[in-house]
N, C-alpha and C. Protein backbone atom coordinates (compact mmCIF):
# COMPACT_ATOMS: atom_id res chain seq x y z
N MET A 1 112.63 125.87 123.79
CA MET A 1 113.34 125.02 122.86
C MET A 1 112.64 123.67 122.72
N THR A 2 112.17 123.09 123.79
CA THR A 2 111.50 121.79 123.77
C THR A 2 110.19 121.89 122.99
N ILE A 3 109.47 122.97 123.17
CA ILE A 3 108.21 123.18 122.44
C ILE A 3 108.50 123.25 120.94
N ARG A 4 109.55 123.94 120.57
CA ARG A 4 109.91 124.08 119.15
C ARG A 4 110.20 122.70 118.56
N LYS A 5 110.94 121.85 119.26
CA LYS A 5 111.24 120.50 118.78
C LYS A 5 109.95 119.69 118.63
N PHE A 6 109.04 119.86 119.58
CA PHE A 6 107.77 119.14 119.52
C PHE A 6 107.00 119.53 118.26
N TYR A 7 106.88 120.84 118.01
CA TYR A 7 106.14 121.29 116.83
C TYR A 7 106.83 120.88 115.53
N PHE A 8 108.15 120.89 115.52
CA PHE A 8 108.88 120.44 114.34
C PHE A 8 108.60 118.96 114.08
N ALA A 9 108.66 118.15 115.12
CA ALA A 9 108.40 116.71 114.98
C ALA A 9 106.96 116.47 114.53
N LEU A 10 106.02 117.23 115.08
CA LEU A 10 104.63 117.09 114.69
C LEU A 10 104.44 117.44 113.21
N ALA A 11 105.03 118.54 112.78
CA ALA A 11 104.92 118.96 111.38
C ALA A 11 105.56 117.94 110.44
N ALA A 12 106.72 117.45 110.81
CA ALA A 12 107.41 116.46 109.97
C ALA A 12 106.59 115.18 109.87
N GLY A 13 106.03 114.74 110.96
CA GLY A 13 105.20 113.54 110.95
C GLY A 13 103.97 113.70 110.09
N THR A 14 103.36 114.87 110.14
CA THR A 14 102.17 115.14 109.33
C THR A 14 102.52 115.12 107.85
N LEU A 15 103.65 115.73 107.47
CA LEU A 15 104.06 115.74 106.07
C LEU A 15 104.35 114.33 105.58
N MET A 16 105.03 113.53 106.38
CA MET A 16 105.36 112.17 105.99
C MET A 16 104.10 111.33 105.84
N ALA A 17 103.15 111.51 106.74
CA ALA A 17 101.90 110.75 106.65
C ALA A 17 101.13 111.15 105.40
N GLY A 18 101.14 112.43 105.07
CA GLY A 18 100.46 112.90 103.86
C GLY A 18 101.06 112.29 102.62
N ALA A 19 102.39 112.23 102.54
CA ALA A 19 103.05 111.63 101.39
C ALA A 19 102.76 110.14 101.31
N ALA A 20 102.75 109.47 102.44
CA ALA A 20 102.49 108.04 102.45
C ALA A 20 101.07 107.73 102.01
N ASN A 21 100.13 108.60 102.35
CA ASN A 21 98.74 108.38 101.99
C ASN A 21 98.40 108.85 100.59
N ALA A 22 99.30 109.59 99.96
CA ALA A 22 99.00 110.14 98.63
C ALA A 22 98.66 109.04 97.64
N GLN A 23 99.41 107.95 97.65
CA GLN A 23 99.14 106.88 96.71
C GLN A 23 97.80 106.22 97.00
N GLY A 24 97.44 106.09 98.28
CA GLY A 24 96.20 105.44 98.65
C GLY A 24 94.97 106.11 98.08
N THR A 25 95.07 107.38 97.72
CA THR A 25 93.93 108.10 97.18
C THR A 25 93.91 108.08 95.66
N LEU A 26 94.91 107.49 95.03
CA LEU A 26 94.98 107.45 93.58
C LEU A 26 94.63 106.08 93.04
N VAL A 27 94.03 106.08 91.84
CA VAL A 27 93.70 104.82 91.17
C VAL A 27 94.29 104.85 89.76
N GLU A 28 94.53 103.68 89.22
CA GLU A 28 95.01 103.59 87.84
C GLU A 28 93.88 103.96 86.90
N ILE A 29 94.20 104.70 85.87
CA ILE A 29 93.21 105.17 84.89
C ILE A 29 93.08 104.11 83.79
N PRO A 30 91.85 103.75 83.40
CA PRO A 30 91.66 102.79 82.30
C PRO A 30 92.26 103.31 80.99
N ASP A 31 92.67 102.38 80.15
CA ASP A 31 93.37 102.70 78.90
C ASP A 31 92.62 103.67 78.00
N ASN A 32 91.29 103.62 77.97
CA ASN A 32 90.52 104.43 77.02
C ASN A 32 90.20 105.84 77.50
N VAL A 33 90.60 106.20 78.71
CA VAL A 33 90.31 107.54 79.24
C VAL A 33 91.28 108.56 78.65
N GLN A 34 90.73 109.69 78.24
CA GLN A 34 91.51 110.77 77.64
C GLN A 34 92.32 111.51 78.71
N VAL A 35 93.60 111.74 78.41
CA VAL A 35 94.46 112.56 79.26
C VAL A 35 94.56 113.90 78.55
N ALA A 36 93.68 114.81 78.93
CA ALA A 36 93.46 116.06 78.21
C ALA A 36 94.72 116.88 77.92
N PRO A 37 95.63 117.07 78.87
CA PRO A 37 96.78 117.92 78.56
C PRO A 37 97.63 117.42 77.39
N PHE A 38 97.52 116.13 77.08
CA PHE A 38 98.34 115.56 76.03
C PHE A 38 97.52 115.14 74.80
N SER A 39 96.21 115.36 74.85
CA SER A 39 95.32 114.94 73.75
C SER A 39 95.60 113.50 73.34
N ALA A 40 95.68 112.64 74.35
CA ALA A 40 95.96 111.23 74.12
C ALA A 40 95.24 110.40 75.17
N THR A 41 95.05 109.12 74.88
CA THR A 41 94.44 108.24 75.87
C THR A 41 95.51 107.77 76.86
N ALA A 42 95.06 107.24 77.97
CA ALA A 42 95.99 106.71 78.98
C ALA A 42 96.86 105.62 78.37
N ASP A 43 96.28 104.80 77.50
CA ASP A 43 97.04 103.74 76.83
C ASP A 43 98.15 104.33 75.96
N ASP A 44 97.86 105.44 75.28
CA ASP A 44 98.87 106.10 74.45
C ASP A 44 100.02 106.65 75.31
N VAL A 45 99.67 107.23 76.45
CA VAL A 45 100.67 107.88 77.31
C VAL A 45 101.58 106.87 78.00
N ASP A 46 101.03 105.70 78.34
CA ASP A 46 101.85 104.65 78.94
C ASP A 46 103.05 104.36 78.05
N ASP A 47 104.21 104.27 78.67
CA ASP A 47 105.48 103.94 77.99
C ASP A 47 106.10 105.11 77.24
N TRP A 48 105.53 106.32 77.30
CA TRP A 48 106.22 107.46 76.71
C TRP A 48 107.52 107.69 77.46
N ASP A 49 108.56 108.07 76.74
CA ASP A 49 109.81 108.45 77.37
C ASP A 49 109.65 109.83 77.99
N VAL A 50 110.34 110.05 79.10
CA VAL A 50 110.29 111.34 79.81
C VAL A 50 111.68 111.96 79.74
N TYR A 51 111.71 113.25 79.43
CA TYR A 51 112.96 113.99 79.28
C TYR A 51 113.01 115.15 80.27
N ASN A 52 114.22 115.54 80.65
CA ASN A 52 114.36 116.76 81.46
C ASN A 52 114.42 117.96 80.51
N SER A 53 114.53 119.15 81.05
CA SER A 53 114.50 120.37 80.23
C SER A 53 115.73 120.50 79.33
N ASP A 54 116.78 119.71 79.62
CA ASP A 54 117.98 119.72 78.77
C ASP A 54 117.89 118.71 77.63
N GLY A 55 116.78 117.99 77.55
CA GLY A 55 116.59 117.02 76.48
C GLY A 55 117.17 115.65 76.75
N VAL A 56 117.56 115.39 78.00
CA VAL A 56 118.11 114.10 78.38
C VAL A 56 116.98 113.18 78.83
N GLU A 57 116.94 111.96 78.28
CA GLU A 57 115.93 111.00 78.71
C GLU A 57 116.22 110.57 80.14
N ILE A 58 115.20 110.69 81.01
CA ILE A 58 115.41 110.39 82.43
C ILE A 58 114.48 109.30 82.95
N GLY A 59 113.51 108.87 82.14
CA GLY A 59 112.60 107.84 82.60
C GLY A 59 111.52 107.54 81.58
N GLU A 60 110.51 106.81 82.07
CA GLU A 60 109.42 106.36 81.21
C GLU A 60 108.12 106.34 82.01
N VAL A 61 107.02 106.70 81.36
CA VAL A 61 105.71 106.66 82.01
C VAL A 61 105.31 105.20 82.23
N GLU A 62 105.01 104.86 83.48
CA GLU A 62 104.57 103.50 83.83
C GLU A 62 103.06 103.41 83.92
N GLU A 63 102.44 104.44 84.47
CA GLU A 63 100.98 104.44 84.69
C GLU A 63 100.45 105.86 84.60
N VAL A 64 99.18 105.97 84.24
CA VAL A 64 98.43 107.22 84.39
C VAL A 64 97.51 106.97 85.57
N VAL A 65 97.53 107.85 86.57
CA VAL A 65 96.73 107.68 87.77
C VAL A 65 95.89 108.94 88.01
N GLY A 66 94.87 108.78 88.87
CA GLY A 66 94.02 109.92 89.14
C GLY A 66 93.19 109.74 90.39
N SER A 67 92.41 110.76 90.67
CA SER A 67 91.58 110.77 91.88
C SER A 67 90.41 109.79 91.76
N ASP A 68 89.98 109.47 90.53
CA ASP A 68 89.00 108.42 90.27
C ASP A 68 89.30 107.88 88.88
N ALA A 69 88.60 106.84 88.46
CA ALA A 69 88.91 106.15 87.22
C ALA A 69 88.78 107.01 85.97
N ASN A 70 88.09 108.13 86.04
CA ASN A 70 87.88 108.98 84.87
C ASN A 70 88.56 110.34 84.97
N THR A 71 89.40 110.54 86.00
CA THR A 71 90.02 111.84 86.21
C THR A 71 91.54 111.70 86.38
N PRO A 72 92.28 111.70 85.26
CA PRO A 72 93.73 111.63 85.37
C PRO A 72 94.30 112.89 86.04
N THR A 73 95.18 112.70 87.01
CA THR A 73 95.78 113.84 87.71
C THR A 73 97.30 113.75 87.78
N ALA A 74 97.87 112.58 87.48
CA ALA A 74 99.32 112.40 87.62
C ALA A 74 99.81 111.27 86.74
N LEU A 75 101.12 111.28 86.54
CA LEU A 75 101.79 110.18 85.85
C LEU A 75 102.74 109.51 86.83
N VAL A 76 102.85 108.20 86.72
CA VAL A 76 103.86 107.47 87.47
C VAL A 76 105.03 107.30 86.52
N VAL A 77 106.16 107.85 86.90
CA VAL A 77 107.36 107.77 86.06
C VAL A 77 108.37 106.83 86.69
N ASP A 78 108.85 105.90 85.88
CA ASP A 78 109.91 104.99 86.28
C ASP A 78 111.22 105.65 85.88
N PHE A 79 111.93 106.19 86.88
CA PHE A 79 113.19 106.88 86.62
C PHE A 79 114.33 105.88 86.54
N ASP A 80 115.32 106.21 85.72
CA ASP A 80 116.50 105.36 85.51
C ASP A 80 117.61 105.65 86.51
N GLY A 81 117.51 106.74 87.25
CA GLY A 81 118.59 107.14 88.14
C GLY A 81 119.57 108.07 87.42
N ASP A 82 119.23 108.52 86.21
CA ASP A 82 120.09 109.42 85.45
C ASP A 82 119.81 110.88 85.80
N GLY A 83 120.79 111.72 85.62
CA GLY A 83 120.62 113.16 85.82
C GLY A 83 120.30 113.56 87.24
N GLY A 84 120.63 112.71 88.21
CA GLY A 84 120.35 113.02 89.61
C GLY A 84 118.96 112.63 90.07
N TYR A 85 118.13 112.14 89.14
CA TYR A 85 116.79 111.70 89.51
C TYR A 85 116.88 110.33 90.18
N PRO A 86 116.01 110.07 91.17
CA PRO A 86 116.09 108.79 91.89
C PRO A 86 115.72 107.61 91.00
N ASP A 87 116.22 106.44 91.32
CA ASP A 87 115.93 105.22 90.56
C ASP A 87 114.74 104.51 91.21
N ARG A 88 113.54 105.06 90.95
CA ARG A 88 112.31 104.47 91.50
C ARG A 88 111.11 105.02 90.76
N ASP A 89 109.93 104.46 91.02
CA ASP A 89 108.67 104.93 90.42
C ASP A 89 108.09 106.03 91.29
N ILE A 90 107.82 107.20 90.68
CA ILE A 90 107.38 108.36 91.44
C ILE A 90 106.11 108.94 90.80
N VAL A 91 105.17 109.36 91.65
CA VAL A 91 103.92 109.98 91.21
C VAL A 91 104.18 111.47 91.02
N ILE A 92 103.92 111.96 89.79
CA ILE A 92 104.18 113.36 89.46
C ILE A 92 102.92 113.98 88.86
N PRO A 93 102.45 115.11 89.42
CA PRO A 93 101.24 115.76 88.90
C PRO A 93 101.38 116.14 87.42
N LEU A 94 100.28 116.06 86.70
CA LEU A 94 100.28 116.38 85.27
C LEU A 94 100.80 117.78 84.97
N ASP A 95 100.56 118.73 85.88
CA ASP A 95 100.98 120.10 85.61
C ASP A 95 102.50 120.29 85.62
N GLN A 96 103.24 119.25 85.94
CA GLN A 96 104.69 119.32 85.93
C GLN A 96 105.29 118.92 84.57
N PHE A 97 104.41 118.60 83.60
CA PHE A 97 104.85 118.15 82.28
C PHE A 97 104.39 119.09 81.18
N THR A 98 105.18 119.16 80.13
CA THR A 98 104.80 119.82 78.89
C THR A 98 105.24 118.92 77.74
N GLN A 99 104.70 119.20 76.56
CA GLN A 99 105.15 118.50 75.37
C GLN A 99 105.85 119.49 74.46
N GLN A 100 107.02 119.11 73.99
CA GLN A 100 107.78 119.94 73.06
C GLN A 100 108.41 119.04 72.01
N ASP A 101 108.18 119.37 70.76
CA ASP A 101 108.78 118.62 69.66
C ASP A 101 108.54 117.12 69.78
N GLY A 102 107.33 116.73 70.19
CA GLY A 102 106.98 115.33 70.30
C GLY A 102 107.54 114.62 71.51
N ARG A 103 108.12 115.37 72.43
CA ARG A 103 108.70 114.78 73.65
C ARG A 103 107.93 115.24 74.88
N LEU A 104 107.87 114.34 75.87
CA LEU A 104 107.26 114.66 77.16
C LEU A 104 108.36 115.20 78.07
N ILE A 105 108.24 116.47 78.43
CA ILE A 105 109.27 117.16 79.22
C ILE A 105 108.80 117.31 80.66
N LEU A 106 109.62 116.88 81.59
CA LEU A 106 109.36 117.08 83.02
C LEU A 106 109.98 118.40 83.42
N ASN A 107 109.18 119.28 83.99
CA ASN A 107 109.63 120.61 84.37
C ASN A 107 110.00 120.73 85.83
N ALA A 108 110.26 119.62 86.49
CA ALA A 108 110.66 119.62 87.91
C ALA A 108 112.10 119.08 88.00
N ASP A 109 112.90 119.71 88.84
CA ASP A 109 114.27 119.25 88.99
C ASP A 109 114.35 117.99 89.85
N ALA A 110 115.53 117.40 89.90
CA ALA A 110 115.73 116.13 90.60
C ALA A 110 115.39 116.23 92.09
N ALA A 111 115.75 117.32 92.73
CA ALA A 111 115.46 117.48 94.17
C ALA A 111 113.96 117.53 94.42
N THR A 112 113.23 118.25 93.59
CA THR A 112 111.77 118.34 93.73
C THR A 112 111.13 116.97 93.52
N VAL A 113 111.57 116.27 92.50
CA VAL A 113 111.03 114.94 92.20
C VAL A 113 111.33 113.97 93.35
N GLY A 114 112.53 114.06 93.90
CA GLY A 114 112.92 113.17 94.99
C GLY A 114 112.03 113.28 96.21
N ALA A 115 111.37 114.43 96.38
CA ALA A 115 110.47 114.64 97.52
C ALA A 115 109.03 114.21 97.23
N MET A 116 108.76 113.81 96.00
CA MET A 116 107.40 113.39 95.62
C MET A 116 107.18 111.93 96.04
N PRO A 117 105.92 111.53 96.18
CA PRO A 117 105.63 110.18 96.69
C PRO A 117 105.98 109.07 95.69
N ASP A 118 106.43 107.95 96.24
CA ASP A 118 106.71 106.75 95.44
C ASP A 118 105.39 106.08 95.09
N TRP A 119 105.40 105.33 93.99
CA TRP A 119 104.27 104.51 93.57
C TRP A 119 104.63 103.06 93.79
N ARG A 120 103.79 102.34 94.46
CA ARG A 120 104.00 100.92 94.68
C ARG A 120 102.77 100.18 94.16
N ASP A 121 103.00 99.34 93.14
CA ASP A 121 101.86 98.59 92.61
C ASP A 121 101.96 97.13 92.95
């Protein structure tokens, strides 16, 4: 039983450290860099409203971030605290978004988003 607790604590600590370091590996993308999934520049994507799959506005894009200055990999969304989503800025991978009818749709539920890393600028 003691060994199991040790391994659980070790695994939990590793996951928390990974989430804490996630932001440290990301940089803000310059305004003129293309964000391919949306056929738009980072400047265009900034301030887009974000909606859940039910069409409810849940936040706004604050930043486009990536692994280097020319490689967008995620959006920082400023959530309003609506629809069960947390009221904070969260880093969300680009593959969690789609565009439908001119809207940016987040395809992750509130619980999934709540476990994603915060963005602190």
